[in-house]
Amino acid sequence: MKYYLNTKTGRVLEIDPASGANLSENRLFVELSKKQKAFHLKCKEILHTPTLEEWETLEIRPAIVQPPRPTISVDDHRALKLAELDWLSMSTANKLLPDYKRKNSQVSLDLLSADPGAETVYSGTESLSILKEANRVSILCRNEFHRVADLMKAAATIEDVDGAFNSNQYQKFA
């Protein structure tokens, strides 16, 4: 039998070599040494399953090969940050003037144009005022988005992209 330790759970898998299964290429599993097999079999006799902490305490835990850290290119990071900036711009605009107010004011104007005596959520002047404010907020957020996006597109490193992103002024709009 071959014995493999699952480095995430601390459980040991027993595999018959005749089965053809091979976990040596899998980074999650590490084959046990003779000393480690003896410890495992002794634990098995007394119906005890050691935890990862016990493997560490006994200092016979196999060396775990850490998988390489994922890397990201500047272009991929820029694309992620641009998507985050787009979301930030839209959410800031919605925070300053909720979408339901824009819709209700537009519906009110449409109803009033069809029937001047219609009962609406907002009066004609209120609706125009809300739509004018909505336009101002949209322009403000759009301009800030393009200002920061241009800085991010010119950035050469991930740190520069983050610096450009963090230069946004959306928190000052509220």
N, C-alpha and C. Protein backbone atom coordinates (compact mmCIF):
# COMPACT_ATOMS: atom_id res chain seq x y z
N MET A 1 0.84 -1.18 0.00
CA MET A 1 0.00 0.00 0.00
C MET A 1 0.88 1.24 0.00
N LYS A 2 0.37 2.28 -0.67
CA LYS A 2 1.01 3.59 -0.62
C LYS A 2 0.10 4.50 0.20
N TYR A 3 0.71 5.38 0.96
CA TYR A 3 -0.03 6.26 1.84
C TYR A 3 0.26 7.71 1.45
N TYR A 4 -0.85 8.48 1.31
CA TYR A 4 -0.72 9.88 0.92
C TYR A 4 -1.48 10.74 1.93
N LEU A 5 -0.85 11.82 2.35
CA LEU A 5 -1.49 12.77 3.26
C LEU A 5 -2.13 13.88 2.45
N ASN A 6 -3.42 14.13 2.72
CA ASN A 6 -4.10 15.28 2.12
C ASN A 6 -3.67 16.49 2.95
N THR A 7 -2.94 17.41 2.33
CA THR A 7 -2.36 18.53 3.08
C THR A 7 -3.39 19.58 3.48
N LYS A 8 -4.59 19.47 2.99
CA LYS A 8 -5.66 20.40 3.40
C LYS A 8 -6.42 19.87 4.60
N THR A 9 -6.72 18.56 4.61
CA THR A 9 -7.57 18.00 5.66
C THR A 9 -6.82 17.21 6.71
N GLY A 10 -5.61 16.73 6.39
CA GLY A 10 -4.86 15.91 7.33
C GLY A 10 -5.24 14.44 7.26
N ARG A 11 -6.14 14.07 6.39
CA ARG A 11 -6.55 12.68 6.24
C ARG A 11 -5.54 11.94 5.36
N VAL A 12 -5.39 10.65 5.62
CA VAL A 12 -4.46 9.83 4.86
C VAL A 12 -5.25 8.91 3.93
N LEU A 13 -4.83 8.87 2.68
CA LEU A 13 -5.42 7.94 1.71
C LEU A 13 -4.50 6.75 1.56
N GLU A 14 -5.09 5.58 1.57
CA GLU A 14 -4.33 4.36 1.35
C GLU A 14 -4.67 3.88 -0.06
N ILE A 15 -3.64 3.76 -0.90
CA ILE A 15 -3.88 3.39 -2.29
C ILE A 15 -3.08 2.14 -2.63
N ASP A 16 -3.76 1.19 -3.22
CA ASP A 16 -3.11 -0.04 -3.66
C ASP A 16 -2.36 0.27 -4.96
N PRO A 17 -1.05 0.03 -4.99
CA PRO A 17 -0.28 0.33 -6.21
C PRO A 17 -0.80 -0.42 -7.44
N ALA A 18 -1.43 -1.57 -7.22
CA ALA A 18 -1.96 -2.35 -8.34
C ALA A 18 -3.12 -1.64 -9.02
N SER A 19 -3.75 -0.70 -8.31
CA SER A 19 -4.89 0.02 -8.90
C SER A 19 -4.45 0.97 -10.00
N GLY A 20 -3.17 1.32 -10.01
CA GLY A 20 -2.67 2.23 -11.04
C GLY A 20 -2.84 3.70 -10.68
N ALA A 21 -3.50 3.98 -9.56
CA ALA A 21 -3.70 5.36 -9.14
C ALA A 21 -2.37 5.93 -8.66
N ASN A 22 -2.11 7.18 -9.02
CA ASN A 22 -0.85 7.82 -8.64
C ASN A 22 -1.15 9.26 -8.25
N LEU A 23 -0.88 9.59 -7.02
CA LEU A 23 -1.13 10.95 -6.54
C LEU A 23 0.15 11.77 -6.42
N SER A 24 1.26 11.24 -6.89
CA SER A 24 2.53 11.94 -6.71
C SER A 24 2.59 13.26 -7.48
N GLU A 25 1.81 13.41 -8.54
CA GLU A 25 1.79 14.65 -9.31
C GLU A 25 0.84 15.69 -8.72
N ASN A 26 -0.04 15.25 -7.84
CA ASN A 26 -1.03 16.13 -7.25
C ASN A 26 -0.42 16.86 -6.07
N ARG A 27 -0.39 18.19 -6.10
CA ARG A 27 0.23 18.97 -5.04
C ARG A 27 -0.52 18.92 -3.72
N LEU A 28 -1.78 18.51 -3.77
CA LEU A 28 -2.59 18.44 -2.56
C LEU A 28 -2.18 17.24 -1.70
N PHE A 29 -1.62 16.20 -2.32
CA PHE A 29 -1.26 14.98 -1.61
C PHE A 29 0.26 14.81 -1.58
N VAL A 30 0.75 14.34 -0.41
CA VAL A 30 2.18 14.08 -0.24
C VAL A 30 2.32 12.65 0.26
N GLU A 31 3.22 11.88 -0.39
CA GLU A 31 3.43 10.49 0.03
C GLU A 31 4.13 10.48 1.38
N LEU A 32 3.67 9.57 2.26
CA LEU A 32 4.24 9.48 3.60
C LEU A 32 5.57 8.72 3.58
N SER A 33 6.47 9.14 4.44
CA SER A 33 7.74 8.42 4.62
C SER A 33 7.47 7.18 5.49
N LYS A 34 8.49 6.36 5.70
CA LYS A 34 8.34 5.15 6.55
C LYS A 34 7.93 5.53 7.97
N LYS A 35 8.57 6.56 8.50
CA LYS A 35 8.25 7.02 9.86
C LYS A 35 6.80 7.51 9.94
N GLN A 36 6.39 8.22 8.92
CA GLN A 36 5.02 8.75 8.89
C GLN A 36 4.01 7.62 8.72
N LYS A 37 4.35 6.60 7.92
CA LYS A 37 3.46 5.43 7.75
C LYS A 37 3.28 4.73 9.08
N ALA A 38 4.39 4.55 9.82
CA ALA A 38 4.33 3.88 11.12
C ALA A 38 3.40 4.65 12.06
N PHE A 39 3.53 5.97 12.09
CA PHE A 39 2.66 6.80 12.93
C PHE A 39 1.20 6.64 12.51
N HIS A 40 0.96 6.66 11.23
CA HIS A 40 -0.42 6.52 10.72
C HIS A 40 -1.01 5.17 11.11
N LEU A 41 -0.25 4.10 10.92
CA LEU A 41 -0.75 2.76 11.24
C LEU A 41 -1.01 2.59 12.73
N LYS A 42 -0.15 3.21 13.56
CA LYS A 42 -0.36 3.15 15.01
C LYS A 42 -1.66 3.88 15.37
N CYS A 43 -1.89 5.03 14.75
CA CYS A 43 -3.13 5.79 15.00
C CYS A 43 -4.34 4.99 14.53
N LYS A 44 -4.19 4.30 13.41
CA LYS A 44 -5.29 3.52 12.85
C LYS A 44 -5.66 2.37 13.80
N GLU A 45 -4.65 1.76 14.44
CA GLU A 45 -4.89 0.66 15.39
C GLU A 45 -5.77 1.12 16.54
N ILE A 46 -5.54 2.32 17.02
CA ILE A 46 -6.33 2.80 18.17
C ILE A 46 -7.53 3.64 17.73
N LEU A 47 -7.84 3.54 16.44
CA LEU A 47 -9.00 4.25 15.86
C LEU A 47 -8.93 5.76 16.07
N HIS A 48 -7.75 6.28 15.88
CA HIS A 48 -7.55 7.73 16.02
C HIS A 48 -7.10 8.30 14.68
N THR A 49 -7.77 9.37 14.26
CA THR A 49 -7.38 10.05 13.02
C THR A 49 -6.71 11.36 13.40
N PRO A 50 -5.40 11.47 13.17
CA PRO A 50 -4.72 12.71 13.56
C PRO A 50 -5.13 13.90 12.70
N THR A 51 -5.16 15.05 13.31
CA THR A 51 -5.48 16.28 12.58
C THR A 51 -4.20 16.87 12.01
N LEU A 52 -4.35 17.89 11.18
CA LEU A 52 -3.17 18.57 10.65
C LEU A 52 -2.30 19.13 11.77
N GLU A 53 -2.95 19.61 12.84
CA GLU A 53 -2.21 20.16 13.97
C GLU A 53 -1.36 19.08 14.63
N GLU A 54 -1.91 17.85 14.74
CA GLU A 54 -1.14 16.76 15.34
C GLU A 54 0.05 16.40 14.46
N TRP A 55 -0.14 16.39 13.15
CA TRP A 55 0.98 16.12 12.25
C TRP A 55 2.08 17.17 12.47
N GLU A 56 1.67 18.42 12.64
CA GLU A 56 2.65 19.50 12.84
C GLU A 56 3.32 19.36 14.21
N THR A 57 2.54 19.06 15.25
CA THR A 57 3.09 18.93 16.59
C THR A 57 4.14 17.83 16.64
N LEU A 58 3.88 16.75 15.97
CA LEU A 58 4.81 15.62 15.97
C LEU A 58 5.99 15.86 15.03
N GLU A 59 5.93 16.97 14.32
CA GLU A 59 6.99 17.36 13.40
C GLU A 59 7.32 16.27 12.38
N ILE A 60 6.30 15.53 12.01
CA ILE A 60 6.51 14.55 10.95
C ILE A 60 5.57 14.84 9.78
N ARG A 61 5.02 16.01 9.80
CA ARG A 61 4.17 16.39 8.68
C ARG A 61 5.06 16.56 7.45
N PRO A 62 4.66 16.01 6.34
CA PRO A 62 5.48 16.13 5.14
C PRO A 62 5.62 17.59 4.72
N ALA A 63 6.71 17.87 4.07
CA ALA A 63 6.92 19.21 3.54
C ALA A 63 5.88 19.46 2.45
N ILE A 64 5.19 20.54 2.56
CA ILE A 64 4.14 20.86 1.61
C ILE A 64 4.70 21.82 0.57
N VAL A 65 4.57 21.45 -0.66
CA VAL A 65 5.02 22.31 -1.74
C VAL A 65 3.90 23.32 -2.00
N GLN A 66 4.22 24.58 -1.78
CA GLN A 66 3.22 25.62 -2.00
C GLN A 66 3.05 25.85 -3.50
N PRO A 67 1.82 25.89 -3.96
CA PRO A 67 1.62 26.17 -5.37
C PRO A 67 2.07 27.59 -5.68
N PRO A 68 2.49 27.85 -6.89
CA PRO A 68 2.93 29.21 -7.21
C PRO A 68 1.78 30.19 -7.06
N ARG A 69 2.11 31.38 -6.61
CA ARG A 69 1.09 32.42 -6.47
C ARG A 69 0.63 32.85 -7.85
N PRO A 70 -0.66 33.03 -7.99
CA PRO A 70 -1.13 33.45 -9.31
C PRO A 70 -0.59 34.84 -9.65
N THR A 71 -0.25 35.03 -10.89
CA THR A 71 0.23 36.34 -11.33
C THR A 71 -0.81 36.94 -12.25
N ILE A 72 -0.78 38.24 -12.32
CA ILE A 72 -1.73 38.95 -13.17
C ILE A 72 -0.95 39.99 -13.95
N SER A 73 -1.30 40.14 -15.18
CA SER A 73 -0.61 41.12 -16.01
C SER A 73 -1.17 42.52 -15.72
N VAL A 74 -0.42 43.51 -16.12
CA VAL A 74 -0.87 44.90 -15.92
C VAL A 74 -2.18 45.12 -16.69
N ASP A 75 -2.27 44.58 -17.90
CA ASP A 75 -3.49 44.76 -18.69
C ASP A 75 -4.70 44.12 -18.03
N ASP A 76 -4.53 42.90 -17.48
CA ASP A 76 -5.64 42.24 -16.79
C ASP A 76 -6.04 43.01 -15.54
N HIS A 77 -5.05 43.49 -14.79
CA HIS A 77 -5.34 44.27 -13.58
C HIS A 77 -6.06 45.56 -13.95
N ARG A 78 -5.60 46.20 -15.01
CA ARG A 78 -6.23 47.43 -15.48
C ARG A 78 -7.70 47.17 -15.84
N ALA A 79 -7.95 46.08 -16.54
CA ALA A 79 -9.33 45.75 -16.93
C ALA A 79 -10.21 45.53 -15.70
N LEU A 80 -9.68 44.83 -14.69
CA LEU A 80 -10.45 44.62 -13.46
C LEU A 80 -10.73 45.94 -12.75
N LYS A 81 -9.72 46.79 -12.68
CA LYS A 81 -9.89 48.08 -12.00
C LYS A 81 -10.84 49.00 -12.78
N LEU A 82 -10.81 48.93 -14.12
CA LEU A 82 -11.74 49.73 -14.90
C LEU A 82 -13.18 49.28 -14.66
N ALA A 83 -13.39 47.97 -14.55
CA ALA A 83 -14.72 47.46 -14.24
C ALA A 83 -15.17 47.91 -12.85
N GLU A 84 -14.23 47.90 -11.89
CA GLU A 84 -14.55 48.37 -10.54
C GLU A 84 -14.85 49.87 -10.55
N LEU A 85 -14.10 50.62 -11.34
CA LEU A 85 -14.33 52.06 -11.45
C LEU A 85 -15.69 52.34 -12.08
N ASP A 86 -16.05 51.56 -13.08
CA ASP A 86 -17.36 51.71 -13.73
C ASP A 86 -18.48 51.48 -12.70
N TRP A 87 -18.34 50.41 -11.91
CA TRP A 87 -19.33 50.13 -10.88
C TRP A 87 -19.38 51.26 -9.86
N LEU A 88 -18.21 51.76 -9.45
CA LEU A 88 -18.14 52.85 -8.47
C LEU A 88 -18.82 54.10 -9.00
N SER A 89 -18.62 54.39 -10.27
CA SER A 89 -19.24 55.56 -10.89
C SER A 89 -20.76 55.44 -10.89
N MET A 90 -21.24 54.27 -11.31
CA MET A 90 -22.70 54.05 -11.36
C MET A 90 -23.32 54.07 -9.96
N SER A 91 -22.66 53.43 -9.00
CA SER A 91 -23.23 53.39 -7.66
C SER A 91 -23.21 54.78 -7.01
N THR A 92 -22.18 55.57 -7.31
CA THR A 92 -22.13 56.94 -6.77
C THR A 92 -23.26 57.77 -7.36
N ALA A 93 -23.47 57.64 -8.66
CA ALA A 93 -24.57 58.38 -9.30
C ALA A 93 -25.90 57.97 -8.70
N ASN A 94 -26.08 56.68 -8.46
CA ASN A 94 -27.34 56.19 -7.89
C ASN A 94 -27.49 56.63 -6.44
N LYS A 95 -26.37 56.75 -5.73
CA LYS A 95 -26.42 57.21 -4.34
C LYS A 95 -26.81 58.69 -4.28
N LEU A 96 -26.25 59.48 -5.21
CA LEU A 96 -26.56 60.91 -5.23
C LEU A 96 -27.99 61.18 -5.65
N LEU A 97 -28.45 60.42 -6.62
CA LEU A 97 -29.83 60.58 -7.08
C LEU A 97 -30.35 59.20 -7.49
N PRO A 98 -31.12 58.56 -6.61
CA PRO A 98 -31.58 57.19 -6.88
C PRO A 98 -32.33 57.08 -8.21
N ASP A 99 -32.15 55.94 -8.84
CA ASP A 99 -32.72 55.67 -10.15
C ASP A 99 -34.25 55.78 -10.13
N TYR A 100 -34.88 55.37 -9.02
CA TYR A 100 -36.34 55.42 -8.97
C TYR A 100 -36.86 56.86 -9.09
N LYS A 101 -36.09 57.84 -8.58
CA LYS A 101 -36.52 59.23 -8.70
C LYS A 101 -36.48 59.68 -10.16
N ARG A 102 -35.45 59.27 -10.87
CA ARG A 102 -35.35 59.61 -12.30
C ARG A 102 -36.53 59.03 -13.06
N LYS A 103 -36.79 57.74 -12.80
CA LYS A 103 -37.88 57.06 -13.51
C LYS A 103 -39.23 57.67 -13.17
N ASN A 104 -39.46 57.92 -11.87
CA ASN A 104 -40.75 58.50 -11.46
C ASN A 104 -40.95 59.91 -12.04
N SER A 105 -39.88 60.69 -12.10
CA SER A 105 -40.01 62.04 -12.65
C SER A 105 -40.28 61.97 -14.16
N GLN A 106 -39.66 61.03 -14.86
CA GLN A 106 -39.90 60.89 -16.29
C GLN A 106 -41.34 60.42 -16.54
N VAL A 107 -41.80 59.45 -15.75
CA VAL A 107 -43.18 58.97 -15.88
C VAL A 107 -44.16 60.10 -15.58
N SER A 108 -43.86 60.89 -14.56
CA SER A 108 -44.73 62.02 -14.21
C SER A 108 -44.83 63.00 -15.37
N LEU A 109 -43.70 63.33 -15.99
CA LEU A 109 -43.72 64.24 -17.15
C LEU A 109 -44.51 63.65 -18.31
N ASP A 110 -44.33 62.35 -18.57
CA ASP A 110 -45.06 61.70 -19.65
C ASP A 110 -46.56 61.74 -19.41
N LEU A 111 -46.97 61.46 -18.16
CA LEU A 111 -48.40 61.49 -17.82
C LEU A 111 -48.96 62.91 -17.93
N LEU A 112 -48.18 63.89 -17.45
CA LEU A 112 -48.65 65.28 -17.50
C LEU A 112 -48.73 65.80 -18.93
N SER A 113 -47.85 65.33 -19.81
CA SER A 113 -47.92 65.78 -21.20
C SER A 113 -49.15 65.19 -21.89
N ALA A 114 -49.55 63.96 -21.50
CA ALA A 114 -50.74 63.35 -22.08
C ALA A 114 -52.01 63.91 -21.46
N ASP A 115 -51.97 64.17 -20.15
CA ASP A 115 -53.15 64.69 -19.44
C ASP A 115 -52.66 65.65 -18.36
N PRO A 116 -52.72 66.97 -18.61
CA PRO A 116 -52.20 67.95 -17.64
C PRO A 116 -52.83 67.86 -16.25
N GLY A 117 -53.99 67.27 -16.12
CA GLY A 117 -54.64 67.15 -14.80
C GLY A 117 -54.37 65.83 -14.12
N ALA A 118 -53.52 65.00 -14.69
CA ALA A 118 -53.26 63.67 -14.14
C ALA A 118 -52.57 63.77 -12.79
N GLU A 119 -52.89 62.77 -11.96
CA GLU A 119 -52.26 62.70 -10.64
C GLU A 119 -50.93 61.96 -10.81
N THR A 120 -49.83 62.61 -10.40
CA THR A 120 -48.50 62.03 -10.59
C THR A 120 -47.70 62.08 -9.30
N VAL A 121 -46.59 61.38 -9.28
CA VAL A 121 -45.72 61.36 -8.10
C VAL A 121 -45.10 62.74 -7.89
N TYR A 122 -44.63 63.34 -8.99
CA TYR A 122 -44.01 64.66 -8.93
C TYR A 122 -44.76 65.62 -9.83
N SER A 123 -44.76 66.90 -9.45
CA SER A 123 -45.35 67.91 -10.32
C SER A 123 -44.42 68.13 -11.51
N GLY A 124 -44.87 68.88 -12.47
CA GLY A 124 -44.05 69.15 -13.65
C GLY A 124 -42.74 69.84 -13.31
N THR A 125 -42.79 70.85 -12.44
CA THR A 125 -41.56 71.57 -12.07
C THR A 125 -40.62 70.69 -11.24
N GLU A 126 -41.20 69.86 -10.34
CA GLU A 126 -40.37 68.94 -9.56
C GLU A 126 -39.69 67.92 -10.48
N SER A 127 -40.44 67.41 -11.44
CA SER A 127 -39.90 66.43 -12.39
C SER A 127 -38.76 67.03 -13.19
N LEU A 128 -38.94 68.24 -13.69
CA LEU A 128 -37.89 68.90 -14.47
C LEU A 128 -36.66 69.15 -13.61
N SER A 129 -36.88 69.55 -12.37
CA SER A 129 -35.77 69.80 -11.45
C SER A 129 -34.98 68.51 -11.18
N ILE A 130 -35.70 67.41 -10.96
CA ILE A 130 -35.05 66.12 -10.70
C ILE A 130 -34.27 65.66 -11.93
N LEU A 131 -34.86 65.80 -13.12
CA LEU A 131 -34.19 65.39 -14.35
C LEU A 131 -32.95 66.25 -14.63
N LYS A 132 -33.05 67.54 -14.30
CA LYS A 132 -31.90 68.42 -14.48
C LYS A 132 -30.78 68.01 -13.52
N GLU A 133 -31.13 67.67 -12.28
CA GLU A 133 -30.14 67.20 -11.30
C GLU A 133 -29.57 65.85 -11.72
N ALA A 134 -30.40 64.98 -12.28
CA ALA A 134 -29.94 63.68 -12.76
C ALA A 134 -28.92 63.87 -13.87
N ASN A 135 -29.17 64.80 -14.75
CA ASN A 135 -28.24 65.08 -15.84
C ASN A 135 -26.92 65.61 -15.29
N ARG A 136 -26.99 66.51 -14.30
CA ARG A 136 -25.78 67.06 -13.69
C ARG A 136 -24.96 65.96 -13.02
N VAL A 137 -25.62 65.07 -12.27
CA VAL A 137 -24.94 63.97 -11.58
C VAL A 137 -24.31 63.01 -12.59
N SER A 138 -25.05 62.71 -13.65
CA SER A 138 -24.51 61.80 -14.68
C SER A 138 -23.26 62.38 -15.32
N ILE A 139 -23.29 63.65 -15.63
CA ILE A 139 -22.12 64.30 -16.25
C ILE A 139 -20.96 64.33 -15.27
N LEU A 140 -21.22 64.64 -14.02
CA LEU A 140 -20.19 64.68 -13.00
C LEU A 140 -19.50 63.31 -12.84
N CYS A 141 -20.30 62.26 -12.73
CA CYS A 141 -19.75 60.91 -12.55
C CYS A 141 -19.06 60.42 -13.83
N ARG A 142 -19.64 60.72 -14.98
CA ARG A 142 -19.04 60.31 -16.25
C ARG A 142 -17.68 60.99 -16.44
N ASN A 143 -17.60 62.29 -16.15
CA ASN A 143 -16.33 63.01 -16.29
C ASN A 143 -15.26 62.46 -15.34
N GLU A 144 -15.66 62.15 -14.12
CA GLU A 144 -14.70 61.58 -13.17
C GLU A 144 -14.24 60.20 -13.63
N PHE A 145 -15.17 59.42 -14.14
CA PHE A 145 -14.80 58.10 -14.66
C PHE A 145 -13.75 58.23 -15.76
N HIS A 146 -14.00 59.10 -16.73
CA HIS A 146 -13.07 59.24 -17.85
C HIS A 146 -11.73 59.84 -17.41
N ARG A 147 -11.75 60.75 -16.44
CA ARG A 147 -10.50 61.31 -15.93
C ARG A 147 -9.62 60.21 -15.33
N VAL A 148 -10.22 59.40 -14.45
CA VAL A 148 -9.47 58.33 -13.79
C VAL A 148 -9.11 57.22 -14.78
N ALA A 149 -10.03 56.88 -15.68
CA ALA A 149 -9.76 55.82 -16.67
C ALA A 149 -8.58 56.21 -17.56
N ASP A 150 -8.50 57.47 -17.94
CA ASP A 150 -7.36 57.92 -18.76
C ASP A 150 -6.05 57.77 -18.00
N LEU A 151 -6.05 58.09 -16.70
CA LEU A 151 -4.85 57.90 -15.88
C LEU A 151 -4.48 56.42 -15.79
N MET A 152 -5.50 55.58 -15.63
CA MET A 152 -5.26 54.14 -15.52
C MET A 152 -4.72 53.57 -16.83
N LYS A 153 -5.23 54.04 -17.94
CA LYS A 153 -4.78 53.55 -19.25
C LYS A 153 -3.34 53.95 -19.52
N ALA A 154 -2.90 55.06 -18.96
CA ALA A 154 -1.53 55.53 -19.16
C ALA A 154 -0.56 54.86 -18.18
N ALA A 155 -1.07 54.19 -17.16
CA ALA A 155 -0.22 53.58 -16.13
C ALA A 155 0.57 52.41 -16.71
N ALA A 156 1.83 52.30 -16.27
CA ALA A 156 2.72 51.26 -16.80
C ALA A 156 2.85 50.06 -15.86
N THR A 157 2.54 50.25 -14.57
CA THR A 157 2.69 49.16 -13.61
C THR A 157 1.39 48.97 -12.84
N ILE A 158 1.29 47.84 -12.16
CA ILE A 158 0.10 47.57 -11.35
C ILE A 158 -0.03 48.63 -10.25
N GLU A 159 1.08 49.03 -9.68
CA GLU A 159 1.05 50.06 -8.63
C GLU A 159 0.54 51.39 -9.18
N ASP A 160 0.94 51.71 -10.41
CA ASP A 160 0.47 52.95 -11.04
C ASP A 160 -1.03 52.88 -11.32
N VAL A 161 -1.50 51.71 -11.75
CA VAL A 161 -2.94 51.51 -11.99
C VAL A 161 -3.70 51.72 -10.69
N ASP A 162 -3.21 51.10 -9.59
CA ASP A 162 -3.87 51.26 -8.29
C ASP A 162 -3.83 52.71 -7.83
N GLY A 163 -2.70 53.38 -8.04
CA GLY A 163 -2.60 54.80 -7.66
C GLY A 163 -3.59 55.65 -8.43
N ALA A 164 -3.71 55.39 -9.72
CA ALA A 164 -4.68 56.14 -10.54
C ALA A 164 -6.10 55.86 -10.05
N PHE A 165 -6.41 54.59 -9.80
CA PHE A 165 -7.75 54.24 -9.32
C PHE A 165 -8.05 54.94 -8.00
N ASN A 166 -7.08 54.94 -7.10
CA ASN A 166 -7.29 55.54 -5.78
C ASN A 166 -7.35 57.07 -5.81
N SER A 167 -7.04 57.66 -6.98
CA SER A 167 -7.12 59.12 -7.08
C SER A 167 -8.54 59.60 -7.38
N ASN A 168 -9.49 58.66 -7.50
CA ASN A 168 -10.86 59.09 -7.82
C ASN A 168 -11.44 59.96 -6.71
N GLN A 169 -12.36 60.81 -7.08
CA GLN A 169 -12.93 61.79 -6.15
C GLN A 169 -14.39 61.50 -5.80
N TYR A 170 -14.84 60.26 -6.04
CA TYR A 170 -16.26 59.95 -5.82
C TYR A 170 -16.71 60.17 -4.38
N GLN A 171 -15.83 59.92 -3.41
CA GLN A 171 -16.24 60.11 -2.01
C GLN A 171 -16.53 61.58 -1.71
N LYS A 172 -15.98 62.49 -2.49
CA LYS A 172 -16.23 63.92 -2.27
C LYS A 172 -17.55 64.38 -2.86
N PHE A 173 -18.15 63.55 -3.73
CA PHE A 173 -19.40 63.94 -4.38
C PHE A 173 -20.58 63.85 -3.43
N ALA A 174 -20.50 62.96 -2.46
CA ALA A 174 -21.65 62.71 -1.59
C ALA A 174 -21.86 63.78 -0.56
